[in-house]
Each structure stands twice: as C-alpha cells, then as structure tokens.
Amino acid sequence: MKKKAPCGIHLVLNGWCRLFALVDAVAEALGFNVLSQMDESLARQLVELGYRGTGEVVKREDFEARKAAIEIAMLAERTQKKTLTSAGKDLQDNFLKALALREEDNRNGKVSMIKTKARTWSTMPQIKLTVIFIRDRNSHGQEVSGYIDYAHRLKIEDFEVYFSGKRRLLPKPTDMSFYNWDSHIAVCNSTPNYQVIADNPEGLLFKYKRDRKILNVDSKTLPGDNSTRTPIQTELYIQAVIFDHISRRKT
C-alpha cells in the first residue's frame, strides 16, 4: 500500500500533496517501491530534475520551506483548539463576538507563506495584535476608561469568566492606560507588545515594539500604518472600540 501524504491543512497543503502524488506516479512508472527509502529518495531527485509530464518543478529547498510552514501551522492549530476560552460559548453581544474572533490571533499569532518574485517560498510571521478601548462604570459606580493590550491580558488572565458572562472585562490600573473620571487617577504602563507615548502634544500614542509602527487612538485621525479602528455596538459598555494592528516584519 502506498504511503499517503497528510492533507487538509488549508491551501498550502495542496502543493505538498501534489508533490507526493507526482513522486508516487513517477516511482510507479519506473518500477520503484515507494516504501523503500532509497528508491523514494531517487524518485524525488528525478522529479526535481524535471522527469515529469506537466506542472511546476519544485526544488527541494522550496519543498522543505513549505513543509516547515505546514508543520508550524498544524502545531498552532492543535494548540489553539486546546487553549481558546471562547470556543463553544454562546456569545450574544457584539463585543464578546469581536473578542472571540481575535482570540486565536492574539494568543498565537499567524504564520503565512510568502511567495517572492523569484518564485521561491519563505515563511514570514504575520502577527495580529488587538488594543481594546473600554469606557464604562466599575462596581463602585465610578466611570472608568482605558486601553487594554488584549494579547498581554490573555497571557496573564483567564478569559473564561468574560466569555462565559460571569464578569465584564474592564480596564485596570495595570493596563496600557487607565483613567478614573471620578477620582481623576490616570495611569500609563508599557506592555511586552506596546510602548506608551503619553507626552505627545496630539494625544496618547502606542508604539508597537515589533515593527515600531505608531498606533494613534484619536478618533479624529487615522490609526496608523497596518492598523484599523472598529467601534463596537454593544450593550455591555458605554463605549467600546477595537484597534487591530498587523505586523509583517521579518525576524
């Protein structure tokens, strides 16, 4: 029985599966036993050298790059299934739905396959991080507001209580920024992902440490390169806004 390549991991697997199918076909035509490591290796070399009918010739280094990206993606997929606290929850409010859509990205990041002009493939981490703005009243009836580094809070806090509706997510004095409108207490903190720029004449800014891009949270201006601002219609808070930033910087 022939050995079948693992399939079904998004579109990038198609190239891998086609390569294995092509190897098997060539090996069978030449009378090779695919289960033999030596014969399989020889068959692959013949394919790389162009012994085939039609289709793209895949060099071994390109194949290894694709294979590595697939393995990383499969590992991330298995990990996120075990760690997503929003999975299986019956979420009714738009705010919680928006957080659920972004949970995987902020926990694990993404790995994409980038094809260059030279028709070669390489892996480039594509990290999507979210900053959450919330304005509402705390348990003491005081109006508070602040900006939350979603990825950082996910690492240090269990979000099960928020997605299950047991508690509401609110800014804390330990978040990127916090302001109590009654006591006039204002606090700013840099996080592992963002540096807070509080002395800017135009208002509060956040610098993403990975690519050094600036996130401007002023609603009267654009949020910055590779960033988006999304107001959320929610019944849970007086005001909620989500800022998303995508970094494509090579490591």
Protein backbone atom coordinates (compact mmCIF):
# COMPACT_ATOMS: atom_id res chain seq x y z
CA MET A 1 0.00 0.00 0.00
CA LYS A 2 1.36 3.41 -0.91
CA LYS A 3 2.17 5.96 1.76
CA LYS A 4 -0.15 8.95 1.53
CA ALA A 5 0.90 12.49 2.41
CA PRO A 6 -1.14 14.26 5.12
CA CYS A 7 -3.71 16.57 3.52
CA GLY A 8 -6.37 19.05 4.62
CA ILE A 9 -4.43 21.92 6.23
CA HIS A 10 -5.70 24.90 4.27
CA LEU A 11 -4.48 25.83 0.80
CA VAL A 12 -0.74 25.42 1.42
CA LEU A 13 -1.13 21.67 1.66
CA ASN A 14 -2.15 21.44 -1.98
CA GLY A 15 1.42 21.88 -3.19
CA TRP A 16 2.71 19.26 -0.76
CA CYS A 17 0.03 16.72 -1.70
CA ARG A 18 0.56 17.27 -5.43
CA LEU A 19 4.31 16.73 -5.00
CA PHE A 20 3.82 13.41 -3.19
CA ALA A 21 1.27 12.27 -5.79
CA LEU A 22 3.70 13.15 -8.55
CA VAL A 23 6.54 11.31 -6.81
CA ASP A 24 4.38 8.22 -6.42
CA ALA A 25 3.34 8.31 -10.07
CA VAL A 26 6.93 8.65 -11.32
CA ALA A 27 8.15 5.98 -8.93
CA GLU A 28 5.45 3.57 -10.07
CA ALA A 29 6.23 4.23 -13.73
CA LEU A 30 9.91 3.48 -13.13
CA GLY A 31 9.17 0.37 -11.08
CA PHE A 32 10.33 1.83 -7.73
CA ASN A 33 8.99 0.71 -4.39
CA VAL A 34 7.89 3.95 -2.65
CA LEU A 35 8.18 2.29 0.73
CA SER A 36 11.90 1.94 0.19
CA GLN A 37 13.74 4.99 1.48
CA MET A 38 16.48 4.73 -1.15
CA ASP A 39 14.04 4.33 -4.04
CA GLU A 40 11.82 7.13 -2.77
CA SER A 41 14.79 9.45 -2.47
CA LEU A 42 15.88 8.61 -6.02
CA ALA A 43 12.37 9.17 -7.33
CA ARG A 44 12.20 12.57 -5.67
CA GLN A 45 15.52 13.55 -7.24
CA LEU A 46 14.21 12.56 -10.66
CA VAL A 47 11.13 14.72 -10.13
CA GLU A 48 13.29 17.65 -9.05
CA LEU A 49 15.40 17.25 -12.17
CA GLY A 50 12.31 17.53 -14.34
CA TYR A 51 11.32 13.89 -15.04
CA ARG A 52 7.61 14.57 -15.21
CA GLY A 53 4.83 15.44 -17.57
CA THR A 54 3.32 18.84 -16.73
CA GLY A 55 3.26 21.10 -13.71
CA GLU A 56 5.67 23.18 -11.69
CA VAL A 57 9.09 21.78 -10.80
CA VAL A 58 9.51 22.01 -7.03
CA LYS A 59 13.05 22.34 -5.74
CA ARG A 60 13.87 20.54 -2.53
CA GLU A 61 14.65 23.74 -0.61
CA ASP A 62 11.26 25.19 -1.64
CA PHE A 63 9.54 21.99 -0.62
CA GLU A 64 11.28 21.99 2.77
CA ALA A 65 10.20 25.61 3.35
CA ARG A 66 6.60 24.75 2.54
CA LYS A 67 6.74 21.65 4.72
CA ALA A 68 8.12 23.65 7.67
CA ALA A 69 5.35 26.23 7.36
CA ILE A 70 2.73 23.47 7.25
CA GLU A 71 4.13 21.83 10.37
CA ILE A 72 4.09 25.18 12.21
CA ALA A 73 0.51 25.81 11.12
CA MET A 74 -0.59 22.33 12.19
CA LEU A 75 1.04 22.79 15.60
CA ALA A 76 -0.61 26.18 16.07
CA GLU A 77 -3.96 24.71 15.05
CA ARG A 78 -3.66 21.89 17.59
CA THR A 79 -2.58 24.33 20.29
CA GLN A 80 -5.37 26.83 19.74
CA LYS A 81 -8.02 24.10 19.96
CA LYS A 82 -6.79 23.39 23.50
CA THR A 83 -6.44 27.00 24.68
CA LEU A 84 -9.24 29.11 23.15
CA THR A 85 -11.51 30.09 26.03
CA SER A 86 -14.15 31.45 23.65
CA ALA A 87 -14.59 28.07 21.92
CA GLY A 88 -18.06 26.60 22.29
CA LYS A 89 -19.51 29.67 24.01
CA ASP A 90 -22.95 31.02 23.02
CA LEU A 91 -21.90 34.65 22.62
CA GLN A 92 -24.74 37.12 22.12
CA ASP A 93 -23.11 40.54 22.47
CA ASN A 94 -21.13 42.07 19.60
CA PHE A 95 -18.21 42.93 21.88
CA LEU A 96 -17.68 39.36 23.03
CA LYS A 97 -18.08 38.11 19.47
CA ALA A 98 -15.40 40.55 18.32
CA LEU A 99 -13.03 39.37 21.05
CA ALA A 100 -13.69 35.72 20.16
CA LEU A 101 -12.82 36.37 16.50
CA ARG A 102 -9.48 37.82 17.60
CA GLU A 103 -8.58 35.42 20.40
CA GLU A 104 -6.57 32.96 18.31
CA ASP A 105 -4.55 35.72 16.62
CA ASN A 106 -3.70 37.40 19.91
CA ARG A 107 -2.78 34.14 21.60
CA ASN A 108 -0.65 32.55 18.90
CA GLY A 109 -0.07 34.94 16.01
CA LYS A 110 -0.13 33.72 12.42
CA VAL A 111 2.42 32.21 10.05
CA SER A 112 1.97 32.93 6.35
CA MET A 113 3.66 31.62 3.23
CA ILE A 114 5.12 34.50 1.20
CA LYS A 115 5.95 33.92 -2.48
CA THR A 116 8.64 36.22 -3.85
CA LYS A 117 9.23 37.46 -7.40
CA ALA A 118 11.85 34.76 -7.79
CA ARG A 119 9.07 32.15 -7.36
CA THR A 120 10.52 30.91 -4.10
CA TRP A 121 8.70 30.48 -0.83
CA SER A 122 9.66 31.66 2.64
CA THR A 123 7.93 31.86 6.00
CA MET A 124 7.14 35.27 7.47
CA PRO A 125 5.39 35.65 10.83
CA GLN A 126 2.27 37.77 10.43
CA ILE A 127 1.30 38.88 13.90
CA LYS A 128 -2.09 40.45 14.56
CA LEU A 129 -2.49 42.21 17.89
CA THR A 130 -5.51 43.99 19.32
CA VAL A 131 -5.86 47.01 21.59
CA ILE A 132 -9.24 47.35 23.32
CA PHE A 133 -10.72 50.67 24.48
CA ILE A 134 -13.49 50.46 27.06
CA ARG A 135 -15.45 53.21 28.83
CA ASP A 136 -17.98 52.21 31.47
CA ARG A 137 -18.73 52.22 35.21
CA ASN A 138 -16.99 49.93 37.68
CA SER A 139 -18.57 48.05 40.59
CA HIS A 140 -18.44 51.25 42.69
CA GLY A 141 -20.38 53.22 40.11
CA GLN A 142 -17.33 55.21 39.06
CA GLU A 143 -16.80 55.92 35.38
CA VAL A 144 -13.51 54.46 34.15
CA SER A 145 -11.87 54.14 30.75
CA GLY A 146 -8.67 52.73 29.37
CA TYR A 147 -6.76 50.85 26.70
CA ILE A 148 -6.08 47.13 27.10
CA ASP A 149 -3.36 45.10 25.38
CA TYR A 150 -5.53 42.09 24.55
CA ALA A 151 -2.64 39.70 23.84
CA HIS A 152 -0.96 40.59 27.14
CA ARG A 153 -4.13 40.22 29.21
CA LEU A 154 -4.77 36.82 27.59
CA LYS A 155 -1.37 35.63 28.83
CA ILE A 156 -1.81 36.78 32.43
CA GLU A 157 -5.54 36.29 32.96
CA ASP A 158 -8.17 33.60 32.42
CA PHE A 159 -10.77 34.97 29.97
CA GLU A 160 -13.18 32.14 30.70
CA VAL A 161 -15.03 34.40 33.17
CA TYR A 162 -15.53 37.05 30.49
CA PHE A 163 -16.64 34.80 27.65
CA SER A 164 -18.99 32.91 29.99
CA GLY A 165 -20.59 36.17 31.15
CA LYS A 166 -19.60 35.79 34.81
CA ARG A 167 -17.64 39.07 34.75
CA ARG A 168 -17.22 42.07 32.48
CA LEU A 169 -13.85 42.99 31.05
CA LEU A 170 -12.81 46.41 32.39
CA PRO A 171 -9.56 48.40 32.23
CA LYS A 172 -7.28 48.18 35.27
CA PRO A 173 -4.52 50.47 36.62
CA THR A 174 -2.07 47.82 35.34
CA ASP A 175 -3.25 48.13 31.70
CA MET A 176 -1.72 50.29 28.97
CA SER A 177 -3.76 53.22 30.18
CA PHE A 178 -6.36 53.72 32.89
CA TYR A 179 -8.37 56.76 33.91
CA ASN A 180 -10.92 57.13 36.71
CA TRP A 181 -13.19 60.04 35.82
CA ASP A 182 -14.38 60.47 39.42
CA SER A 183 -11.06 60.29 41.30
CA HIS A 184 -9.06 61.68 38.33
CA ILE A 185 -6.46 58.94 38.73
CA ALA A 186 -4.53 58.42 35.49
CA VAL A 187 -2.02 55.61 34.92
CA CYS A 188 0.00 54.52 31.87
CA ASN A 189 2.05 51.33 31.52
CA SER A 190 4.07 49.92 28.65
CA THR A 191 3.46 46.23 27.92
CA PRO A 192 5.56 43.50 26.29
CA ASN A 193 3.93 44.47 22.98
CA TYR A 194 3.48 48.24 23.15
CA GLN A 195 5.37 51.27 24.38
CA VAL A 196 3.13 54.05 25.68
CA ILE A 197 3.87 57.58 24.45
CA ALA A 198 1.96 59.79 26.88
CA ASP A 199 3.76 63.11 26.38
CA ASN A 200 2.70 63.59 22.78
CA PRO A 201 1.06 67.02 22.18
CA GLU A 202 -1.51 65.44 19.85
CA GLY A 203 -2.64 62.87 22.39
CA LEU A 204 -1.93 59.33 23.56
CA LEU A 205 0.10 57.11 21.21
CA PHE A 206 1.19 53.47 21.34
CA LYS A 207 4.32 52.18 19.58
CA TYR A 208 4.26 48.52 18.62
CA LYS A 209 7.65 47.17 19.74
CA ARG A 210 7.97 44.58 16.98
CA ASP A 211 7.84 46.87 13.93
CA ARG A 212 7.96 50.28 15.68
CA LYS A 213 4.73 51.39 14.00
CA ILE A 214 2.68 54.01 15.82
CA LEU A 215 -0.95 53.43 16.78
CA ASN A 216 -2.89 56.69 17.08
CA VAL A 217 -6.11 56.18 19.07
CA ASP A 218 -7.53 59.63 18.33
CA SER A 219 -10.90 59.13 16.64
CA LYS A 220 -10.35 62.27 14.53
CA THR A 221 -7.33 60.84 12.71
CA LEU A 222 -6.24 57.62 11.04
CA PRO A 223 -4.92 54.94 13.43
CA GLY A 224 -1.64 54.44 11.53
CA ASP A 225 0.11 52.02 9.18
CA ASN A 226 -1.34 48.48 9.13
CA SER A 227 -3.85 49.45 11.83
CA THR A 228 -7.64 49.70 11.88
CA ARG A 229 -10.16 51.27 14.25
CA THR A 230 -13.50 49.49 14.76
CA PRO A 231 -16.22 50.96 17.02
CA ILE A 232 -18.33 48.18 18.56
CA GLN A 233 -22.07 48.49 19.12
CA THR A 234 -22.50 46.77 22.48
CA GLU A 235 -24.99 46.60 25.33
CA LEU A 236 -22.27 45.78 27.85
CA TYR A 237 -20.44 49.13 27.86
CA ILE A 238 -20.98 52.84 27.38
CA GLN A 239 -18.32 52.77 24.66
CA ALA A 240 -16.06 50.11 23.16
CA VAL A 241 -13.54 50.39 20.32
CA ILE A 242 -11.17 47.76 18.94
CA PHE A 243 -7.86 48.62 17.27
CA ASP A 244 -6.16 45.90 15.22
CA HIS A 245 -2.53 46.05 14.09
CA ILE A 246 -0.81 43.61 11.73
CA SER A 247 2.97 43.34 11.73
CA ARG A 248 4.77 41.70 8.80
CA ARG A 249 8.32 42.41 9.89
CA LYS A 250 10.76 39.55 9.23
CA THR A 251 12.58 38.05 12.19
